[in-house]
Amino acid sequence: MMLNRRSFLGGSLGGLVLFQQPAPVPEAPQAPESDELRDPQSAGLSRLPVSQLDNDPVIVDLEHKLKCTCGCNLDIFTCRTTDFTCTYSPALHQEILGLYKEGKTPEQIIAAFVQKYGEQTLMAPEAQGFNLAGYLVPGVLVLLAGGILSVVLLRRHRMAQVAGAATTGPASTTPAVSSEEMERLKQALSEVAD
C-alpha cells in the first residue's frame, strides 16, 4: 500500500483531533512512474553546464542593463536566475556569451541588442535626444512644485501674522478711560459685589 499525504496527515494528526474524524478518502489511481517524467530533457528544459563565464562580473553587469524579452520587465540576469520557466532569458544569456566570446566590448554587445531588439531592450533609456525629457522633466516638476508650495506657505504665514496683528490692534488705538468713568465702574462693581 502506498502512503499518500492525506492518509499520512490524517493518521498522524488523528490523535490530536478530538471532535471529528475525517472521512476516508478513496485513493486516486496512480500513474505508472517513469523516468521520462523526471528527465528535464523530455520537458524541453535542457540544463547547460555552468561555466565560469556565466557568473563573470562583466556578463552579470551587461545582463542587468538589458531587459528580458519575455514580457516580465526584469533584467536578463534576474529573470534567468529567478524564473526557471522562462525560455527567453537563457537564450539571451547564450547570445550575450556568444558576442562576448567573439571579442565584443560591453558597449558593442549593448549596441547589438539595441539594433536587434530595439531600444525597449534597455532597462534605462539612453540619455540623449527626447529621452532626456524622461530624466529631466520629473526633477524639474518636483523642484517647481516645491517652489510653489514654499511661496504659498510663506504667503499664508504672512497673512496669518497680519490678521493676528489686526485683531489685537496696536496699543495707541485703545480709547483712554477718564477718571470719571473709572469711578462709575468701581461703584458699579461694588454694588454687584454687595
N, C-alpha and C. Protein backbone atom coordinates (compact mmCIF):
# COMPACT_ATOMS: atom_id res chain seq x y z
N MET A 1 0.85 -1.18 0.00
CA MET A 1 0.00 0.00 0.00
C MET A 1 0.88 1.23 0.00
N MET A 2 0.56 2.15 -0.88
CA MET A 2 1.32 3.38 -0.96
C MET A 2 0.68 4.41 -0.04
N LEU A 3 1.49 5.08 0.73
CA LEU A 3 1.02 6.08 1.67
C LEU A 3 1.00 7.44 1.00
N ASN A 4 -0.17 8.07 0.95
CA ASN A 4 -0.24 9.40 0.35
C ASN A 4 -0.27 10.46 1.45
N ARG A 5 -0.25 11.68 1.06
CA ARG A 5 -0.15 12.78 2.01
C ARG A 5 -1.37 12.86 2.92
N ARG A 6 -2.55 12.66 2.38
CA ARG A 6 -3.77 12.77 3.19
C ARG A 6 -3.84 11.69 4.25
N SER A 7 -3.51 10.47 3.87
CA SER A 7 -3.57 9.40 4.86
C SER A 7 -2.48 9.55 5.91
N PHE A 8 -1.34 10.06 5.53
CA PHE A 8 -0.26 10.29 6.50
C PHE A 8 -0.67 11.36 7.50
N LEU A 9 -1.15 12.51 6.99
CA LEU A 9 -1.56 13.59 7.88
C LEU A 9 -2.78 13.19 8.71
N GLY A 10 -3.70 12.47 8.10
CA GLY A 10 -4.87 12.02 8.86
C GLY A 10 -4.48 11.07 9.98
N GLY A 11 -3.54 10.18 9.71
CA GLY A 11 -3.11 9.24 10.74
C GLY A 11 -2.27 9.88 11.82
N SER A 12 -1.39 10.80 11.44
CA SER A 12 -0.52 11.41 12.44
C SER A 12 -1.24 12.47 13.26
N LEU A 13 -2.23 13.12 12.68
CA LEU A 13 -2.97 14.14 13.41
C LEU A 13 -4.28 13.61 13.98
N GLY A 14 -4.58 12.35 13.72
CA GLY A 14 -5.83 11.76 14.18
C GLY A 14 -5.97 11.80 15.69
N GLY A 15 -4.89 11.62 16.42
CA GLY A 15 -4.95 11.66 17.87
C GLY A 15 -5.16 13.06 18.40
N LEU A 16 -4.82 14.07 17.63
CA LEU A 16 -4.98 15.44 18.08
C LEU A 16 -6.40 15.96 17.86
N VAL A 17 -7.09 15.41 16.89
CA VAL A 17 -8.45 15.86 16.60
C VAL A 17 -9.40 15.12 17.52
N LEU A 18 -10.09 15.85 18.39
CA LEU A 18 -10.94 15.21 19.38
C LEU A 18 -12.40 15.13 18.96
N PHE A 19 -12.87 16.09 18.19
CA PHE A 19 -14.28 16.18 17.91
C PHE A 19 -14.72 15.52 16.62
N GLN A 20 -13.86 15.48 15.62
CA GLN A 20 -14.32 14.98 14.34
C GLN A 20 -13.21 14.22 13.64
N GLN A 21 -13.55 13.06 13.14
CA GLN A 21 -12.61 12.27 12.36
C GLN A 21 -12.92 12.49 10.90
N PRO A 22 -11.92 12.74 10.06
CA PRO A 22 -12.20 12.93 8.63
C PRO A 22 -12.64 11.62 7.99
N ALA A 23 -13.52 11.78 7.03
CA ALA A 23 -14.00 10.60 6.30
C ALA A 23 -12.85 10.06 5.46
N PRO A 24 -12.76 8.76 5.30
CA PRO A 24 -11.68 8.20 4.49
C PRO A 24 -11.82 8.64 3.04
N VAL A 25 -10.71 9.00 2.47
CA VAL A 25 -10.68 9.48 1.09
C VAL A 25 -10.22 8.34 0.20
N PRO A 26 -11.01 8.02 -0.82
CA PRO A 26 -10.56 6.94 -1.71
C PRO A 26 -9.33 7.39 -2.48
N GLU A 27 -8.42 6.45 -2.63
CA GLU A 27 -7.17 6.77 -3.31
C GLU A 27 -7.39 6.86 -4.81
N ALA A 28 -6.78 7.87 -5.39
CA ALA A 28 -6.85 8.03 -6.85
C ALA A 28 -5.89 7.05 -7.49
N PRO A 29 -6.22 6.59 -8.67
CA PRO A 29 -5.30 5.68 -9.34
C PRO A 29 -3.98 6.39 -9.62
N GLN A 30 -2.90 5.70 -9.35
CA GLN A 30 -1.57 6.25 -9.52
C GLN A 30 -1.07 6.00 -10.94
N ALA A 31 -0.46 7.02 -11.51
CA ALA A 31 0.14 6.88 -12.83
C ALA A 31 1.43 6.08 -12.68
N PRO A 32 1.73 5.26 -13.63
CA PRO A 32 2.98 4.50 -13.51
C PRO A 32 4.17 5.46 -13.54
N GLU A 33 5.10 5.19 -12.65
CA GLU A 33 6.29 6.03 -12.59
C GLU A 33 7.21 5.69 -13.76
N SER A 34 7.71 6.73 -14.37
CA SER A 34 8.66 6.52 -15.45
C SER A 34 9.75 7.57 -15.32
N ASP A 35 10.88 7.24 -15.84
CA ASP A 35 11.99 8.17 -15.80
C ASP A 35 11.78 9.34 -16.75
N GLU A 36 10.84 9.20 -17.68
CA GLU A 36 10.59 10.26 -18.65
C GLU A 36 10.05 11.51 -17.96
N LEU A 37 9.24 11.34 -16.91
CA LEU A 37 8.68 12.48 -16.21
C LEU A 37 9.73 13.24 -15.42
N ARG A 38 10.77 12.59 -15.02
CA ARG A 38 11.80 13.23 -14.21
C ARG A 38 12.96 13.75 -15.04
N ASP A 39 12.93 13.49 -16.30
CA ASP A 39 14.02 13.91 -17.16
C ASP A 39 13.73 15.30 -17.72
N PRO A 40 14.55 16.32 -17.38
CA PRO A 40 14.29 17.67 -17.88
C PRO A 40 14.37 17.76 -19.40
N GLN A 41 15.11 16.87 -20.03
CA GLN A 41 15.22 16.88 -21.48
C GLN A 41 13.88 16.58 -22.13
N SER A 42 13.07 15.70 -21.50
CA SER A 42 11.79 15.34 -22.08
C SER A 42 10.80 16.50 -22.03
N ALA A 43 10.96 17.40 -21.08
CA ALA A 43 10.08 18.57 -20.99
C ALA A 43 10.60 19.73 -21.83
N GLY A 44 11.71 19.55 -22.47
CA GLY A 44 12.27 20.62 -23.29
C GLY A 44 13.11 21.60 -22.49
N LEU A 45 13.39 21.30 -21.23
CA LEU A 45 14.18 22.19 -20.38
C LEU A 45 15.59 21.62 -20.25
N SER A 46 16.41 21.92 -21.19
CA SER A 46 17.76 21.40 -21.12
C SER A 46 18.58 22.28 -20.18
N ARG A 47 19.37 21.64 -19.39
CA ARG A 47 20.22 22.36 -18.46
C ARG A 47 21.65 22.30 -18.97
N LEU A 48 22.15 23.46 -19.31
CA LEU A 48 23.52 23.53 -19.80
C LEU A 48 24.45 23.57 -18.61
N PRO A 49 25.62 23.02 -18.75
CA PRO A 49 26.56 23.08 -17.64
C PRO A 49 26.96 24.53 -17.36
N VAL A 50 27.14 24.83 -16.09
CA VAL A 50 27.50 26.19 -15.69
C VAL A 50 29.00 26.37 -15.88
N SER A 51 29.35 27.47 -16.51
CA SER A 51 30.78 27.76 -16.71
C SER A 51 31.15 28.97 -15.87
N GLN A 52 32.44 29.23 -15.79
CA GLN A 52 32.94 30.38 -15.05
C GLN A 52 32.45 31.68 -15.68
N LEU A 53 32.25 31.66 -16.97
CA LEU A 53 31.83 32.86 -17.70
C LEU A 53 30.38 33.25 -17.37
N ASP A 54 29.55 32.27 -16.92
CA ASP A 54 28.16 32.57 -16.59
C ASP A 54 28.04 33.58 -15.45
N ASN A 55 28.96 33.55 -14.52
CA ASN A 55 28.92 34.45 -13.37
C ASN A 55 30.01 35.50 -13.42
N ASP A 56 30.57 35.73 -14.59
CA ASP A 56 31.58 36.76 -14.76
C ASP A 56 30.96 38.13 -14.46
N PRO A 57 31.63 38.99 -13.70
CA PRO A 57 31.04 40.29 -13.36
C PRO A 57 30.68 41.15 -14.58
N VAL A 58 31.45 41.04 -15.66
CA VAL A 58 31.15 41.81 -16.86
C VAL A 58 29.83 41.33 -17.47
N ILE A 59 29.65 40.01 -17.54
CA ILE A 59 28.42 39.44 -18.10
C ILE A 59 27.23 39.78 -17.21
N VAL A 60 27.39 39.65 -15.90
CA VAL A 60 26.30 39.96 -14.97
C VAL A 60 25.91 41.43 -15.10
N ASP A 61 26.90 42.33 -15.19
CA ASP A 61 26.61 43.76 -15.34
C ASP A 61 25.87 44.03 -16.64
N LEU A 62 26.30 43.37 -17.72
CA LEU A 62 25.60 43.52 -19.01
C LEU A 62 24.15 43.05 -18.90
N GLU A 63 23.93 41.93 -18.26
CA GLU A 63 22.58 41.38 -18.16
C GLU A 63 21.69 42.23 -17.27
N HIS A 64 22.27 42.96 -16.33
CA HIS A 64 21.48 43.89 -15.51
C HIS A 64 21.04 45.11 -16.31
N LYS A 65 21.74 45.42 -17.38
CA LYS A 65 21.41 46.59 -18.20
C LYS A 65 20.42 46.27 -19.31
N LEU A 66 20.20 44.99 -19.59
CA LEU A 66 19.33 44.58 -20.69
C LEU A 66 18.08 43.89 -20.16
N LYS A 67 16.94 44.19 -20.76
CA LYS A 67 15.65 43.65 -20.33
C LYS A 67 15.37 42.34 -21.03
N CYS A 68 14.78 41.40 -20.32
CA CYS A 68 14.36 40.13 -20.91
C CYS A 68 13.19 40.40 -21.85
N THR A 69 13.14 39.67 -22.94
CA THR A 69 12.10 39.89 -23.95
C THR A 69 10.84 39.06 -23.71
N CYS A 70 10.77 38.37 -22.57
CA CYS A 70 9.60 37.53 -22.30
C CYS A 70 8.40 38.34 -21.83
N GLY A 71 8.61 39.62 -21.51
CA GLY A 71 7.50 40.46 -21.07
C GLY A 71 7.42 40.62 -19.57
N CYS A 72 8.39 40.11 -18.83
CA CYS A 72 8.34 40.19 -17.37
C CYS A 72 8.87 41.52 -16.84
N ASN A 73 9.51 42.33 -17.67
CA ASN A 73 10.11 43.61 -17.31
C ASN A 73 11.25 43.48 -16.30
N LEU A 74 11.82 42.29 -16.20
CA LEU A 74 13.01 42.09 -15.38
C LEU A 74 14.23 42.13 -16.28
N ASP A 75 15.39 42.39 -15.67
CA ASP A 75 16.60 42.30 -16.47
C ASP A 75 16.91 40.83 -16.73
N ILE A 76 17.78 40.58 -17.69
CA ILE A 76 18.06 39.21 -18.12
C ILE A 76 18.63 38.37 -16.97
N PHE A 77 19.54 38.96 -16.19
CA PHE A 77 20.16 38.20 -15.11
C PHE A 77 19.12 37.79 -14.07
N THR A 78 18.28 38.71 -13.65
CA THR A 78 17.27 38.39 -12.64
C THR A 78 16.27 37.38 -13.17
N CYS A 79 15.86 37.54 -14.41
CA CYS A 79 14.90 36.61 -14.99
C CYS A 79 15.48 35.20 -15.10
N ARG A 80 16.71 35.09 -15.54
CA ARG A 80 17.28 33.75 -15.74
C ARG A 80 17.66 33.08 -14.43
N THR A 81 17.86 33.86 -13.36
CA THR A 81 18.25 33.26 -12.08
C THR A 81 17.07 33.09 -11.13
N THR A 82 15.91 33.66 -11.45
CA THR A 82 14.76 33.50 -10.55
C THR A 82 13.57 32.81 -11.20
N ASP A 83 13.37 33.00 -12.49
CA ASP A 83 12.24 32.39 -13.18
C ASP A 83 12.76 31.24 -14.03
N PHE A 84 12.67 30.03 -13.49
CA PHE A 84 13.24 28.89 -14.18
C PHE A 84 12.33 28.34 -15.27
N THR A 85 11.15 28.94 -15.43
CA THR A 85 10.27 28.52 -16.51
C THR A 85 10.45 29.38 -17.75
N CYS A 86 11.19 30.48 -17.63
CA CYS A 86 11.40 31.38 -18.77
C CYS A 86 12.36 30.73 -19.76
N THR A 87 11.94 30.70 -21.00
CA THR A 87 12.81 30.14 -22.03
C THR A 87 13.55 31.22 -22.80
N TYR A 88 13.18 32.49 -22.59
CA TYR A 88 13.82 33.60 -23.29
C TYR A 88 15.16 33.97 -22.67
N SER A 89 15.19 34.11 -21.34
CA SER A 89 16.40 34.61 -20.69
C SER A 89 17.62 33.69 -20.87
N PRO A 90 17.49 32.36 -20.83
CA PRO A 90 18.67 31.55 -21.10
C PRO A 90 19.19 31.73 -22.53
N ALA A 91 18.27 31.89 -23.49
CA ALA A 91 18.69 32.11 -24.87
C ALA A 91 19.38 33.46 -25.02
N LEU A 92 18.86 34.48 -24.35
CA LEU A 92 19.50 35.80 -24.40
C LEU A 92 20.87 35.76 -23.72
N HIS A 93 20.96 35.00 -22.64
CA HIS A 93 22.24 34.83 -21.95
C HIS A 93 23.26 34.18 -22.88
N GLN A 94 22.84 33.15 -23.59
CA GLN A 94 23.75 32.48 -24.53
C GLN A 94 24.16 33.42 -25.66
N GLU A 95 23.23 34.30 -26.07
CA GLU A 95 23.55 35.27 -27.11
C GLU A 95 24.61 36.26 -26.61
N ILE A 96 24.45 36.70 -25.37
CA ILE A 96 25.44 37.61 -24.78
C ILE A 96 26.80 36.92 -24.68
N LEU A 97 26.78 35.66 -24.22
CA LEU A 97 28.05 34.91 -24.11
C LEU A 97 28.70 34.75 -25.47
N GLY A 98 27.91 34.47 -26.50
CA GLY A 98 28.46 34.32 -27.85
C GLY A 98 29.12 35.61 -28.34
N LEU A 99 28.46 36.74 -28.12
CA LEU A 99 29.04 38.02 -28.53
C LEU A 99 30.30 38.34 -27.72
N TYR A 100 30.27 37.99 -26.45
CA TYR A 100 31.43 38.25 -25.59
C TYR A 100 32.62 37.38 -26.01
N LYS A 101 32.34 36.14 -26.37
CA LYS A 101 33.41 35.24 -26.81
C LYS A 101 33.98 35.67 -28.15
N GLU A 102 33.19 36.38 -28.96
CA GLU A 102 33.69 36.91 -30.23
C GLU A 102 34.64 38.08 -30.03
N GLY A 103 34.73 38.58 -28.79
CA GLY A 103 35.64 39.67 -28.50
C GLY A 103 34.98 41.04 -28.49
N LYS A 104 33.66 41.06 -28.47
CA LYS A 104 32.95 42.34 -28.46
C LYS A 104 33.03 42.96 -27.07
N THR A 105 33.08 44.28 -27.04
CA THR A 105 33.10 45.00 -25.77
C THR A 105 31.66 45.09 -25.24
N PRO A 106 31.50 45.39 -23.96
CA PRO A 106 30.14 45.52 -23.42
C PRO A 106 29.30 46.57 -24.17
N GLU A 107 29.91 47.66 -24.59
CA GLU A 107 29.17 48.69 -25.33
C GLU A 107 28.71 48.15 -26.68
N GLN A 108 29.57 47.36 -27.33
CA GLN A 108 29.20 46.78 -28.62
C GLN A 108 28.09 45.75 -28.46
N ILE A 109 28.12 45.00 -27.35
CA ILE A 109 27.07 44.00 -27.10
C ILE A 109 25.73 44.71 -26.88
N ILE A 110 25.75 45.78 -26.10
CA ILE A 110 24.52 46.54 -25.87
C ILE A 110 24.01 47.13 -27.18
N ALA A 111 24.92 47.66 -28.00
CA ALA A 111 24.53 48.22 -29.29
C ALA A 111 23.94 47.14 -30.19
N ALA A 112 24.49 45.93 -30.15
CA ALA A 112 23.96 44.83 -30.96
C ALA A 112 22.55 44.45 -30.50
N PHE A 113 22.32 44.46 -29.18
CA PHE A 113 20.99 44.14 -28.67
C PHE A 113 19.99 45.23 -29.04
N VAL A 114 20.40 46.49 -28.96
CA VAL A 114 19.51 47.59 -29.33
C VAL A 114 19.17 47.51 -30.82
N GLN A 115 20.17 47.15 -31.64
CA GLN A 115 19.93 47.04 -33.07
C GLN A 115 18.97 45.88 -33.36
N LYS A 116 19.11 44.77 -32.63
CA LYS A 116 18.29 43.60 -32.91
C LYS A 116 16.90 43.69 -32.29
N TYR A 117 16.80 44.15 -31.02
CA TYR A 117 15.53 44.12 -30.30
C TYR A 117 14.90 45.50 -30.11
N GLY A 118 15.63 46.55 -30.46
CA GLY A 118 15.09 47.89 -30.28
C GLY A 118 15.51 48.48 -28.94
N GLU A 119 15.21 49.77 -28.78
CA GLU A 119 15.63 50.47 -27.57
C GLU A 119 14.88 49.99 -26.33
N GLN A 120 13.74 49.34 -26.50
CA GLN A 120 12.99 48.85 -25.35
C GLN A 120 13.70 47.72 -24.63
N THR A 121 14.77 47.18 -25.20
CA THR A 121 15.52 46.14 -24.52
C THR A 121 16.42 46.70 -23.42
N LEU A 122 16.61 48.01 -23.41
CA LEU A 122 17.42 48.65 -22.37
C LEU A 122 16.58 48.82 -21.10
N MET A 123 17.19 48.58 -19.94
CA MET A 123 16.49 48.80 -18.68
C MET A 123 16.27 50.28 -18.44
N ALA A 124 17.19 51.13 -18.89
CA ALA A 124 17.04 52.59 -18.80
C ALA A 124 17.40 53.16 -20.16
N PRO A 125 16.59 54.08 -20.67
CA PRO A 125 16.88 54.63 -21.99
C PRO A 125 18.16 55.46 -21.97
N GLU A 126 18.79 55.56 -23.13
CA GLU A 126 20.00 56.36 -23.25
C GLU A 126 19.66 57.83 -23.02
N ALA A 127 20.55 58.55 -22.35
CA ALA A 127 20.31 59.96 -22.03
C ALA A 127 20.70 60.84 -23.21
N GLN A 128 19.90 60.81 -24.24
CA GLN A 128 20.15 61.65 -25.41
C GLN A 128 18.83 61.90 -26.12
N GLY A 129 18.75 63.02 -26.82
CA GLY A 129 17.56 63.35 -27.58
C GLY A 129 16.33 63.51 -26.70
N PHE A 130 15.21 62.97 -27.17
CA PHE A 130 13.95 63.10 -26.44
C PHE A 130 13.99 62.35 -25.11
N ASN A 131 14.83 61.33 -24.97
CA ASN A 131 14.93 60.57 -23.74
C ASN A 131 15.38 61.45 -22.57
N LEU A 132 16.06 62.55 -22.88
CA LEU A 132 16.47 63.46 -21.80
C LEU A 132 15.26 63.99 -21.04
N ALA A 133 14.15 64.12 -21.71
CA ALA A 133 12.93 64.59 -21.04
C ALA A 133 12.54 63.63 -19.92
N GLY A 134 12.73 62.35 -20.14
CA GLY A 134 12.41 61.37 -19.11
C GLY A 134 13.29 61.50 -17.88
N TYR A 135 14.49 62.00 -18.06
CA TYR A 135 15.39 62.19 -16.94
C TYR A 135 15.21 63.56 -16.28
N LEU A 136 14.95 64.60 -17.08
CA LEU A 136 14.94 65.96 -16.56
C LEU A 136 13.57 66.44 -16.10
N VAL A 137 12.51 66.11 -16.82
CA VAL A 137 11.18 66.65 -16.52
C VAL A 137 10.71 66.29 -15.10
N PRO A 138 10.84 65.05 -14.64
CA PRO A 138 10.38 64.77 -13.27
C PRO A 138 11.11 65.60 -12.21
N GLY A 139 12.42 65.78 -12.36
CA GLY A 139 13.17 66.59 -11.40
C GLY A 139 12.75 68.04 -11.43
N VAL A 140 12.55 68.58 -12.64
CA VAL A 140 12.12 69.97 -12.77
C VAL A 140 10.73 70.15 -12.17
N LEU A 141 9.84 69.19 -12.41
CA LEU A 141 8.49 69.28 -11.84
C LEU A 141 8.51 69.23 -10.32
N VAL A 142 9.35 68.39 -9.75
CA VAL A 142 9.45 68.31 -8.28
C VAL A 142 9.97 69.63 -7.72
N LEU A 143 11.00 70.20 -8.35
CA LEU A 143 11.53 71.49 -7.88
C LEU A 143 10.50 72.60 -8.04
N LEU A 144 9.78 72.61 -9.14
CA LEU A 144 8.75 73.61 -9.38
C LEU A 144 7.62 73.50 -8.34
N ALA A 145 7.17 72.29 -8.09
CA ALA A 145 6.12 72.08 -7.09
C ALA A 145 6.60 72.50 -5.70
N GLY A 146 7.86 72.19 -5.37
CA GLY A 146 8.41 72.61 -4.07
C GLY A 146 8.47 74.12 -3.95
N GLY A 147 8.87 74.81 -5.03
CA GLY A 147 8.92 76.27 -5.02
C GLY A 147 7.54 76.88 -4.85
N ILE A 148 6.56 76.36 -5.59
CA ILE A 148 5.19 76.88 -5.48
C ILE A 148 4.64 76.65 -4.07
N LEU A 149 4.88 75.48 -3.52
CA LEU A 149 4.42 75.17 -2.18
C LEU A 149 5.06 76.09 -1.15
N SER A 150 6.35 76.38 -1.31
CA SER A 150 7.05 77.29 -0.39
C SER A 150 6.44 78.69 -0.46
N VAL A 151 6.18 79.19 -1.66
CA VAL A 151 5.59 80.52 -1.82
C VAL A 151 4.21 80.57 -1.18
N VAL A 152 3.39 79.55 -1.42
CA VAL A 152 2.03 79.53 -0.85
C VAL A 152 2.09 79.50 0.67
N LEU A 153 2.97 78.67 1.23
CA LEU A 153 3.06 78.57 2.68
C LEU A 153 3.58 79.87 3.30
N LEU A 154 4.56 80.50 2.69
CA LEU A 154 5.06 81.78 3.20
C LEU A 154 3.98 82.86 3.13
N ARG A 155 3.23 82.90 2.06
CA ARG A 155 2.16 83.89 1.91
C ARG A 155 1.08 83.67 2.98
N ARG A 156 0.71 82.43 3.21
CA ARG A 156 -0.31 82.14 4.23
C ARG A 156 0.20 82.49 5.62
N HIS A 157 1.48 82.25 5.88
CA HIS A 157 2.06 82.58 7.18
C HIS A 157 2.04 84.09 7.40
N ARG A 158 2.40 84.84 6.37
CA ARG A 158 2.39 86.30 6.49
C ARG A 158 0.97 86.83 6.66
N MET A 159 0.02 86.26 5.93
CA MET A 159 -1.37 86.70 6.07
C MET A 159 -1.89 86.39 7.47
N ALA A 160 -1.49 85.27 8.05
CA ALA A 160 -1.92 84.94 9.40
C ALA A 160 -1.33 85.92 10.41
N GLN A 161 -0.08 86.32 10.19
CA GLN A 161 0.54 87.30 11.09
C GLN A 161 -0.18 88.64 10.99
N VAL A 162 -0.51 89.07 9.79
CA VAL A 162 -1.21 90.35 9.60
C VAL A 162 -2.60 90.27 10.22
N ALA A 163 -3.29 89.17 10.04
CA ALA A 163 -4.63 89.02 10.61
C ALA A 163 -4.57 88.99 12.14
N GLY A 164 -3.54 88.35 12.69
CA GLY A 164 -3.37 88.32 14.15
C GLY A 164 -3.08 89.69 14.70
N ALA A 165 -2.30 90.47 14.01
CA ALA A 165 -1.97 91.83 14.45
C ALA A 165 -3.19 92.72 14.34
N ALA A 166 -4.07 92.50 13.37
CA ALA A 166 -5.26 93.33 13.20
C ALA A 166 -6.27 93.08 14.30
N THR A 167 -6.38 91.87 14.78
CA THR A 167 -7.36 91.58 15.83
C THR A 167 -6.92 92.14 17.18
N THR A 168 -5.64 92.11 17.47
CA THR A 168 -5.19 92.66 18.76
C THR A 168 -5.10 94.17 18.67
N GLY A 169 -4.71 94.66 17.54
CA GLY A 169 -4.64 96.11 17.33
C GLY A 169 -3.49 96.73 18.12
N PRO A 170 -3.00 97.84 17.66
CA PRO A 170 -1.93 98.50 18.39
C PRO A 170 -2.46 99.14 19.67
N ALA A 171 -1.60 99.39 20.63
CA ALA A 171 -1.98 99.94 21.95
C ALA A 171 -2.48 101.37 21.84
N SER A 172 -2.05 102.12 20.87
CA SER A 172 -2.44 103.53 20.75
C SER A 172 -3.88 103.70 20.30
N THR A 173 -4.50 102.69 19.74
CA THR A 173 -5.87 102.83 19.25
C THR A 173 -6.89 102.52 20.32
N THR A 174 -6.50 102.04 21.47
CA THR A 174 -7.47 101.77 22.54
C THR A 174 -7.91 103.10 23.14
N PRO A 175 -9.19 103.24 23.36
CA PRO A 175 -9.67 104.53 23.89
C PRO A 175 -9.20 104.73 25.34
N ALA A 176 -8.90 105.95 25.66
CA ALA A 176 -8.47 106.29 27.02
C ALA A 176 -9.69 106.36 27.93
N VAL A 177 -9.53 105.88 29.13
CA VAL A 177 -10.63 105.87 30.10
C VAL A 177 -10.44 107.07 31.03
N SER A 178 -11.47 107.83 31.15
CA SER A 178 -11.37 109.00 32.03
C SER A 178 -11.53 108.58 33.48
N SER A 179 -11.16 109.47 34.39
CA SER A 179 -11.23 109.16 35.82
C SER A 179 -12.69 109.07 36.28
N GLU A 180 -13.58 109.81 35.63
CA GLU A 180 -15.00 109.75 35.98
C GLU A 180 -15.57 108.37 35.63
N GLU A 181 -15.18 107.87 34.47
CA GLU A 181 -15.67 106.55 34.05
C GLU A 181 -15.13 105.46 34.97
N MET A 182 -13.88 105.63 35.44
CA MET A 182 -13.30 104.63 36.34
C MET A 182 -14.05 104.63 37.67
N GLU A 183 -14.44 105.78 38.15
CA GLU A 183 -15.18 105.87 39.41
C GLU A 183 -16.54 105.21 39.28
N ARG A 184 -17.24 105.42 38.13
CA ARG A 184 -18.55 104.80 37.92
C ARG A 184 -18.41 103.28 37.83
N LEU A 185 -17.31 102.82 37.18
CA LEU A 185 -17.08 101.38 37.07
C LEU A 185 -16.84 100.76 38.43
N LYS A 186 -16.04 101.41 39.29
CA LYS A 186 -15.77 100.90 40.64
C LYS A 186 -17.05 100.86 41.47
N GLN A 187 -17.86 101.88 41.32
CA GLN A 187 -19.11 101.95 42.08
C GLN A 187 -20.05 100.83 41.62
N ALA A 188 -20.13 100.57 40.28
CA ALA A 188 -20.99 99.51 39.77
C ALA A 188 -20.52 98.14 40.23
N LEU A 189 -19.23 97.97 40.28
CA LEU A 189 -18.68 96.68 40.73
C LEU A 189 -18.95 96.46 42.22
N SER A 190 -18.85 97.53 42.99
CA SER A 190 -19.08 97.38 44.44
C SER A 190 -20.55 97.08 44.72
N GLU A 191 -21.49 97.64 43.89
CA GLU A 191 -22.91 97.35 44.07
C GLU A 191 -23.20 95.91 43.72
N VAL A 192 -22.53 95.39 42.71
CA VAL A 192 -22.75 93.99 42.31
C VAL A 192 -22.22 93.05 43.38
N ALA A 193 -21.09 93.40 43.98
CA ALA A 193 -20.48 92.54 44.99
C ALA A 193 -21.33 92.47 46.26
N ASP A 194 -22.12 93.51 46.55
CA ASP A 194 -22.95 93.51 47.77
C ASP A 194 -24.13 92.67 47.61
